[in-house]
Amino acid sequence: MALRIVDAEGAEGAEALSMRALAERLGSSTATLYRHFGNRAGLVTQVVDHMFGLVEPDDRELARRAGSSL
């Protein structure tokens, strides 16, 4: 999900991040984002950590990576 968030926000950056706008771009709901990340700061932290390899990818992300390397 972190990579989809980065793709959705593009050049606007974290300062312009709106949970509502992000949920719309991802085809999700704000409730889903808040349930997954807790708050905006949690979302930004996880995205940054993921970008620097500090967060272990979930099973779906691992499967996607494995499929793209074949």
Protein backbone atom coordinates (compact mmCIF):
# COMPACT_ATOMS: atom_id res chain seq x y z
CA MET A 1 0.00 0.00 0.00
CA ALA A 2 2.85 2.40 0.69
CA LEU A 3 3.97 2.35 -2.93
CA ARG A 4 0.43 3.05 -4.13
CA ILE A 5 0.31 6.01 -1.76
CA VAL A 6 3.54 7.44 -3.14
CA ASP A 7 2.29 6.92 -6.69
CA ALA A 8 -1.03 8.58 -5.87
CA GLU A 9 0.51 11.63 -4.23
CA GLY A 10 3.24 12.14 -6.81
CA ALA A 11 4.96 15.50 -6.72
CA GLU A 12 2.51 17.08 -4.28
CA GLY A 13 4.47 15.75 -1.33
CA ALA A 14 3.56 14.97 2.26
CA GLU A 15 2.71 18.59 3.08
CA ALA A 16 -0.24 18.50 0.67
CA LEU A 17 -1.40 15.07 1.82
CA SER A 18 -5.10 14.90 2.58
CA MET A 19 -6.46 11.63 3.90
CA ARG A 20 -9.75 12.24 2.09
CA ALA A 21 -8.13 13.08 -1.26
CA LEU A 22 -5.71 10.18 -0.92
CA ALA A 23 -8.52 7.73 -0.17
CA GLU A 24 -10.38 8.93 -3.27
CA ARG A 25 -7.28 8.52 -5.46
CA LEU A 26 -6.70 5.01 -4.11
CA GLY A 27 -10.35 4.02 -4.54
CA SER A 28 -10.61 3.47 -0.80
CA SER A 29 -12.25 5.16 2.16
CA THR A 30 -10.78 7.42 4.80
CA ALA A 31 -11.89 4.86 7.42
CA THR A 32 -9.69 2.24 5.76
CA LEU A 33 -6.68 4.54 5.81
CA TYR A 34 -7.23 5.48 9.46
CA ARG A 35 -7.77 1.83 10.43
CA HIS A 36 -4.55 0.81 8.67
CA PHE A 37 -2.29 3.73 9.68
CA GLY A 38 -3.95 5.29 12.74
CA ASN A 39 -3.50 8.88 11.60
CA ARG A 40 -1.81 11.03 8.96
CA ALA A 41 1.52 10.98 10.82
CA GLY A 42 1.41 7.18 10.96
CA LEU A 43 0.77 7.01 7.24
CA VAL A 44 3.64 9.38 6.42
CA THR A 45 5.97 7.51 8.78
CA GLN A 46 5.18 4.14 7.23
CA VAL A 47 5.59 5.47 3.69
CA VAL A 48 8.97 7.00 4.54
CA ASP A 49 10.09 3.85 6.38
CA HIS A 50 8.99 1.71 3.44
CA MET A 51 10.87 3.94 1.00
CA PHE A 52 14.06 3.43 3.01
CA GLY A 53 13.47 -0.28 3.52
CA LEU A 54 12.66 -0.11 7.23
CA VAL A 55 9.24 -1.74 6.94
CA GLU A 56 8.90 -5.36 5.95
CA PRO A 57 6.67 -5.70 2.89
CA ASP A 58 3.45 -7.64 3.36
CA ASP A 59 2.76 -10.94 1.59
CA ARG A 60 1.00 -9.29 -1.36
CA GLU A 61 3.94 -6.97 -1.95
CA LEU A 62 6.39 -9.87 -1.77
CA ALA A 63 4.31 -11.84 -4.27
CA ARG A 64 4.15 -8.84 -6.59
CA ARG A 65 7.92 -8.39 -6.43
CA ALA A 66 8.52 -12.09 -7.04
CA GLY A 67 6.21 -12.07 -10.05
CA SER A 68 7.86 -9.01 -11.59
CA SER A 69 11.34 -10.52 -11.35
CA LEU A 70 10.47 -13.63 -13.32
